[in-house]
């Protein structure tokens, strides 16, 4: 099936982590906080929640710790309407990842606990238990490849999805703290990118895969020409360049008063995919993804900050339009 046809099914199997997020009230530094809000986090889980909130369907494939925090994460997945048939509880010393971050831009601190993470315990057997024919596309984020046995399992999921005719959608999502070394990360993420039909990343991430930030745009262009059908190269406030069908589509952003920098990438992915599924052309879908990213950074939390369809419609109606993209 084609990339667009797969996405248009609006039913995604999402591979990767779910975790717990803790965040104090807006403007409060973590060290000064006396109270914290708690919700679901983790790139893949956030993407899945964003898809469901925008009218799609998503099923998460991951492992969680067999304890109260793991059960909290599963309960939150249920809350957001994400299917958990392939979320497996693991015992032993593995623990769910924890993110402590602030709702402020100046002096923002994000502290991520990933040692012995439960999601890294996902196995080949876990991904082989999935009936990929039920879905339209597979989505994952780079952190799933950072350690074993999750790395091998994720590549096996790629094979099974490909055999079932599903397009593979990959958010590079490079997080240095998750990896044993930069060299391993560069090799593995480049391999994953070469196997993917849709690749989304920022200028730093493509630059990392290319061996230098100044080489990132050329790397994105190369991947589009040699393997991927759609490549989205995000440049923060300068907009994005989308490579598809031999064209380069340049889009701007929707300026907002940002409350925090976190959650934008996950919301972008959910917005872009569901917009394609709803019949929008690729350029419009990227712009709607950018609007979802802007919506999230202006609100506390990640999954709870992501828009529903009505929220996105209202946001777009209230903004005159995106910025003119940087064409340099």
Protein backbone atom coordinates (compact mmCIF):
# COMPACT_ATOMS: atom_id res chain seq x y z
CA UNK A 1 0.00 0.00 0.00
CA UNK A 2 1.18 3.53 -0.70
CA UNK A 3 2.31 5.85 2.09
CA UNK A 4 -0.74 8.08 1.76
CA UNK A 5 -3.18 5.17 1.48
CA UNK A 6 -1.75 3.65 4.65
CA UNK A 7 -1.95 6.90 6.59
CA UNK A 8 -5.48 7.51 5.34
CA UNK A 9 -6.65 4.45 7.25
CA UNK A 10 -6.05 6.64 10.33
CA UNK A 11 -5.25 3.57 12.42
CA UNK A 12 -1.67 3.39 13.65
CA UNK A 13 0.41 0.83 15.48
CA UNK A 14 2.82 2.92 17.56
CA UNK A 15 5.96 1.28 18.91
CA UNK A 16 7.78 2.80 21.89
CA UNK A 17 7.66 4.11 25.39
CA UNK A 18 5.06 5.40 27.76
CA UNK A 19 6.22 7.08 30.94
CA UNK A 20 5.19 9.34 33.79
CA UNK A 21 5.52 13.13 33.62
CA UNK A 22 5.78 15.40 36.65
CA UNK A 23 5.60 19.17 36.18
CA UNK A 24 5.09 22.07 38.61
CA UNK A 25 2.76 25.01 38.00
CA UNK A 26 3.67 27.40 35.16
CA UNK A 27 6.68 29.55 35.90
CA UNK A 28 7.83 27.52 38.91
CA UNK A 29 11.32 26.00 38.99
CA UNK A 30 11.49 22.36 39.97
CA UNK A 31 13.69 23.11 42.97
CA UNK A 32 11.17 25.63 44.26
CA UNK A 33 8.07 23.49 43.73
CA UNK A 34 5.89 22.19 46.54
CA UNK A 35 3.30 20.58 44.26
CA UNK A 36 3.52 18.75 40.96
CA UNK A 37 0.99 17.85 38.29
CA UNK A 38 1.22 14.30 36.98
CA UNK A 39 0.28 12.84 33.63
CA UNK A 40 1.41 10.49 30.90
CA UNK A 41 4.56 11.07 28.88
CA UNK A 42 6.92 9.33 26.48
CA UNK A 43 7.28 10.23 22.80
CA UNK A 44 5.42 7.28 21.32
CA UNK A 45 2.61 7.43 23.87
CA UNK A 46 2.24 11.17 23.30
CA UNK A 47 2.01 10.67 19.54
CA UNK A 48 -0.62 7.96 20.05
CA UNK A 49 -2.64 10.18 22.39
CA UNK A 50 -2.39 13.09 19.96
CA UNK A 51 -3.65 10.91 17.10
CA UNK A 52 -6.67 9.75 19.11
CA UNK A 53 -7.53 13.27 20.29
CA UNK A 54 -7.56 14.36 16.64
CA UNK A 55 -9.92 11.56 15.61
CA UNK A 56 -7.61 8.69 14.69
CA UNK A 57 -6.97 5.31 16.25
CA UNK A 58 -3.72 4.17 17.84
CA UNK A 59 -2.46 1.04 19.55
CA UNK A 60 0.76 1.16 21.58
CA UNK A 61 3.35 -1.63 21.62
CA UNK A 62 5.67 -1.37 24.61
CA UNK A 63 6.63 -2.73 28.02
CA UNK A 64 5.81 -1.13 31.37
CA UNK A 65 6.99 -1.94 34.87
CA UNK A 66 4.82 -4.34 36.84
CA UNK A 67 4.15 -1.84 39.60
CA UNK A 68 2.00 1.16 40.50
CA UNK A 69 3.75 3.50 38.06
CA UNK A 70 3.35 1.05 35.20
CA UNK A 71 -0.33 0.67 36.03
CA UNK A 72 -0.66 4.47 36.17
CA UNK A 73 0.73 4.66 32.62
CA UNK A 74 -1.67 2.00 31.35
CA UNK A 75 -4.59 3.79 33.02
CA UNK A 76 -3.57 7.02 31.30
CA UNK A 77 -3.38 5.29 27.94
CA UNK A 78 -6.96 4.14 28.52
CA UNK A 79 -7.91 7.69 29.51
CA UNK A 80 -6.66 9.02 26.18
CA UNK A 81 -8.27 6.20 24.21
CA UNK A 82 -5.02 4.51 23.17
CA UNK A 83 -5.38 0.74 22.82
CA UNK A 84 -3.20 -1.30 25.18
CA UNK A 85 -3.60 -4.86 23.86
CA UNK A 86 0.15 -5.00 23.25
CA UNK A 87 1.40 -3.25 26.39
CA UNK A 88 3.23 -5.87 28.45
CA UNK A 89 4.07 -5.63 32.16
CA UNK A 90 7.60 -6.75 33.05
CA UNK A 91 8.88 -7.60 36.52
CA UNK A 92 12.36 -7.47 37.99
CA UNK A 93 14.23 -4.19 38.40
CA UNK A 94 12.98 -2.49 35.24
CA UNK A 95 11.15 0.78 35.91
CA UNK A 96 9.05 3.11 33.80
CA UNK A 97 10.77 6.23 32.58
CA UNK A 98 10.09 9.45 34.51
CA UNK A 99 10.31 13.01 33.21
CA UNK A 100 10.39 16.04 35.50
CA UNK A 101 10.09 19.26 33.50
CA UNK A 102 9.04 22.86 33.91
CA UNK A 103 6.40 25.04 32.27
CA UNK A 104 8.74 27.94 31.57
CA UNK A 105 11.06 28.85 28.71
CA UNK A 106 13.74 30.93 30.42
CA UNK A 107 15.83 28.64 32.57
CA UNK A 108 13.77 25.61 31.53
CA UNK A 109 14.90 22.33 33.04
CA UNK A 110 13.92 18.82 31.94
CA UNK A 111 15.27 15.90 33.96
CA UNK A 112 14.69 12.45 32.47
CA UNK A 113 15.18 9.19 34.37
CA UNK A 114 15.86 6.33 31.93
CA UNK A 115 18.21 3.96 33.76
CA UNK A 116 16.93 0.39 33.48
CA UNK A 117 13.85 1.63 31.62
CA UNK A 118 10.99 -0.87 31.34
CA UNK A 119 10.29 -0.02 27.69
CA UNK A 120 13.76 -1.24 26.75
CA UNK A 121 12.56 -4.71 27.84
CA UNK A 122 10.23 -4.99 24.83
CA UNK A 123 11.09 -8.23 23.01
CA UNK A 124 10.87 -9.76 19.57
CA UNK A 125 8.06 -11.96 20.90
CA UNK A 126 6.12 -8.82 21.88
CA UNK A 127 6.23 -7.33 18.40
CA UNK A 128 5.58 -10.67 16.72
CA UNK A 129 2.31 -10.92 18.66
CA UNK A 130 0.89 -7.95 16.74
CA UNK A 131 -1.40 -8.46 13.74
CA UNK A 132 -0.04 -5.68 11.53
CA UNK A 133 -2.74 -6.21 8.93
CA UNK A 134 -5.18 -4.46 11.29
CA UNK A 135 -3.36 -1.14 10.86
CA UNK A 136 -2.60 1.38 8.16
CA UNK A 137 0.93 2.41 9.23
CA UNK A 138 3.60 1.84 11.86
CA UNK A 139 4.92 4.83 13.82
CA UNK A 140 7.92 4.92 16.12
CA UNK A 141 10.43 7.31 17.67
CA UNK A 142 14.19 6.99 17.89
CA UNK A 143 14.41 6.25 21.61
CA UNK A 144 13.04 2.75 21.00
CA UNK A 145 16.36 1.85 19.35
CA UNK A 146 18.63 3.08 22.15
CA UNK A 147 19.07 -0.24 24.00
CA UNK A 148 18.49 -3.98 23.75
CA UNK A 149 16.30 -5.99 23.54
CA UNK A 150 14.06 -3.12 22.38
CA UNK A 151 16.37 -2.25 19.47
CA UNK A 152 16.22 -5.69 17.89
CA UNK A 153 12.49 -5.90 18.59
CA UNK A 154 11.83 -2.58 16.89
CA UNK A 155 13.75 -3.57 13.77
CA UNK A 156 11.76 -6.83 13.75
CA UNK A 157 8.57 -4.75 13.93
CA UNK A 158 9.80 -2.85 10.86
CA UNK A 159 10.20 -6.16 9.01
CA UNK A 160 6.76 -7.39 9.97
CA UNK A 161 5.09 -4.09 9.13
CA UNK A 162 6.83 -4.04 5.74
CA UNK A 163 5.71 -7.62 5.06
CA UNK A 164 2.13 -6.59 5.84
CA UNK A 165 2.37 -3.68 3.40
CA UNK A 166 2.42 -0.91 6.03
CA UNK A 167 4.42 2.28 5.53
CA UNK A 168 6.93 2.97 8.30
CA UNK A 169 6.90 6.42 9.91
CA UNK A 170 9.98 7.38 11.92
CA UNK A 171 10.51 10.34 14.23
CA UNK A 172 14.28 10.56 14.73
CA UNK A 173 13.83 11.88 18.30
CA UNK A 174 17.51 11.69 19.26
CA UNK A 175 17.99 11.83 23.04
CA UNK A 176 21.71 11.51 23.90
CA UNK A 177 21.08 10.40 27.49
CA UNK A 178 19.43 7.17 26.27
CA UNK A 179 22.35 5.94 24.17
CA UNK A 180 25.62 4.19 25.11
CA UNK A 181 27.55 6.45 22.70
CA UNK A 182 27.03 8.98 19.93
CA UNK A 183 28.64 6.60 17.43
CA UNK A 184 26.14 3.82 18.18
CA UNK A 185 23.27 6.30 17.96
CA UNK A 186 24.44 7.63 14.59
CA UNK A 187 24.74 4.11 13.14
CA UNK A 188 21.43 2.80 14.47
CA UNK A 189 19.34 5.89 13.73
CA UNK A 190 20.77 6.06 10.21
CA UNK A 191 19.83 2.41 9.69
CA UNK A 192 16.29 3.07 10.94
CA UNK A 193 16.02 6.11 8.69
CA UNK A 194 17.10 4.09 5.68
CA UNK A 195 14.27 1.61 6.34
CA UNK A 196 11.55 4.23 6.77
CA UNK A 197 9.00 5.64 4.35
CA UNK A 198 8.36 8.85 6.29
CA UNK A 199 11.11 10.51 8.34
CA UNK A 200 10.55 13.49 10.61
CA UNK A 201 13.38 15.22 12.45
CA UNK A 202 14.87 18.58 13.26
CA UNK A 203 18.00 20.16 11.87
CA UNK A 204 20.12 18.92 14.78
CA UNK A 205 18.89 15.34 14.35
CA UNK A 206 19.49 15.16 10.60
CA UNK A 207 22.83 16.85 11.17
CA UNK A 208 23.70 14.24 13.76
CA UNK A 209 22.96 11.41 11.33
CA UNK A 210 24.99 13.19 8.65
CA UNK A 211 28.02 13.78 10.86
CA UNK A 212 27.60 17.56 11.15
CA UNK A 213 24.74 20.02 11.57
CA UNK A 214 25.70 21.83 8.38
CA UNK A 215 25.16 18.56 6.48
CA UNK A 216 21.66 17.93 7.83
CA UNK A 217 19.63 19.44 5.00
CA UNK A 218 21.63 17.50 2.44
CA UNK A 219 21.06 14.32 4.45
CA UNK A 220 17.30 14.89 4.45
CA UNK A 221 17.36 15.54 0.71
CA UNK A 222 19.44 12.38 0.16
CA UNK A 223 17.05 10.19 2.16
CA UNK A 224 14.14 11.52 0.12
CA UNK A 225 15.94 10.75 -3.12
CA UNK A 226 17.11 7.26 -2.16
CA UNK A 227 14.63 5.63 0.22
CA UNK A 228 11.95 7.65 2.01
CA UNK A 229 8.84 8.93 0.27
CA UNK A 230 8.35 11.88 2.65
CA UNK A 231 11.05 13.62 4.69
CA UNK A 232 10.25 16.55 6.99
CA UNK A 233 13.24 18.67 8.01
CA UNK A 234 12.19 20.94 10.88
CA UNK A 235 14.09 24.15 11.65
CA UNK A 236 12.33 25.50 14.73
CA UNK A 237 11.30 29.15 14.31
CA UNK A 238 12.52 29.06 10.69
CA UNK A 239 9.82 26.59 9.65
CA UNK A 240 10.28 23.30 7.81
CA UNK A 241 11.28 21.83 4.47
CA UNK A 242 9.31 18.79 3.32
CA UNK A 243 10.76 16.60 0.58
CA UNK A 244 8.26 14.50 -1.39
CA UNK A 245 7.76 13.45 -5.02
CA UNK A 246 10.82 15.38 -6.12
CA UNK A 247 9.51 18.62 -4.63
CA UNK A 248 10.65 20.75 -1.71
CA UNK A 249 7.77 22.30 0.21
CA UNK A 250 8.71 25.14 2.57
CA UNK A 251 6.38 26.06 5.40
CA UNK A 252 6.45 28.49 8.30
CA UNK A 253 5.28 28.24 11.90
CA UNK A 254 2.44 29.67 14.00
CA UNK A 255 3.99 32.07 16.53
CA UNK A 256 2.62 31.79 20.07
CA UNK A 257 3.71 32.86 23.53
CA UNK A 258 5.47 29.64 24.48
CA UNK A 259 5.08 28.32 27.99
CA UNK A 260 7.61 25.53 27.54
CA UNK A 261 9.62 23.84 24.76
CA UNK A 262 8.46 20.24 25.33
CA UNK A 263 5.85 18.18 23.47
CA UNK A 264 6.00 20.06 20.17
CA UNK A 265 7.49 17.26 18.08
CA UNK A 266 5.02 14.63 19.25
CA UNK A 267 2.08 16.93 18.62
CA UNK A 268 3.45 17.86 15.20
CA UNK A 269 3.58 14.20 14.19
CA UNK A 270 0.03 13.51 15.39
CA UNK A 271 -1.29 16.60 13.63
CA UNK A 272 0.45 15.89 10.35
CA UNK A 273 -0.63 12.24 10.18
CA UNK A 274 -4.26 12.82 11.07
CA UNK A 275 -4.45 15.74 8.65
CA UNK A 276 -3.22 13.53 5.81
CA UNK A 277 -5.76 10.93 6.92
CA UNK A 278 -8.49 13.58 6.78
CA UNK A 279 -7.67 14.28 3.14
CA UNK A 280 -5.50 17.41 3.37
CA UNK A 281 -2.63 17.78 0.92
CA UNK A 282 0.88 17.31 2.29
CA UNK A 283 1.76 21.00 2.62
CA UNK A 284 -1.47 21.72 4.51
CA UNK A 285 -0.90 18.66 6.69
CA UNK A 286 2.58 19.90 7.65
CA UNK A 287 1.15 23.32 8.48
CA UNK A 288 -1.57 21.75 10.62
CA UNK A 289 1.14 19.72 12.37
CA UNK A 290 2.98 22.98 13.04
CA UNK A 291 -0.22 24.45 14.48
CA UNK A 292 -0.53 21.46 16.82
CA UNK A 293 3.07 21.99 17.94
CA UNK A 294 2.37 25.66 18.66
CA UNK A 295 -0.79 24.74 20.56
CA UNK A 296 1.11 22.38 22.87
CA UNK A 297 4.03 24.63 23.76
CA UNK A 298 1.59 27.31 24.93
CA UNK A 299 0.03 24.98 27.53
CA UNK A 300 1.29 22.92 30.48
CA UNK A 301 1.89 19.21 30.06
CA UNK A 302 2.39 17.17 26.89
CA UNK A 303 -0.40 14.65 26.31
CA UNK A 304 -2.97 16.79 28.19
CA UNK A 305 -1.92 19.87 26.19
CA UNK A 306 -2.49 18.28 22.79
CA UNK A 307 -5.50 19.59 20.86
CA UNK A 308 -8.74 17.91 19.98
CA UNK A 309 -10.06 18.55 16.49
CA UNK A 310 -12.25 21.44 17.66
CA UNK A 311 -9.28 23.01 19.44
CA UNK A 312 -7.20 22.83 16.27
CA UNK A 313 -10.00 24.31 14.15
CA UNK A 314 -10.41 27.19 16.60
CA UNK A 315 -6.66 27.79 16.78
CA UNK A 316 -6.36 27.99 13.00
CA UNK A 317 -9.36 30.31 12.78
CA UNK A 318 -7.87 32.68 15.35
CA UNK A 319 -4.41 32.88 13.71
CA UNK A 320 -4.00 34.88 10.52
CA UNK A 321 -1.58 32.36 9.13
CA UNK A 322 1.92 30.92 9.48
CA UNK A 323 5.12 32.88 9.15
CA UNK A 324 6.89 33.11 5.81
CA UNK A 325 9.37 30.22 5.83
CA UNK A 326 13.11 30.80 5.84
CA UNK A 327 14.32 29.98 2.34
CA UNK A 328 18.04 30.06 3.01
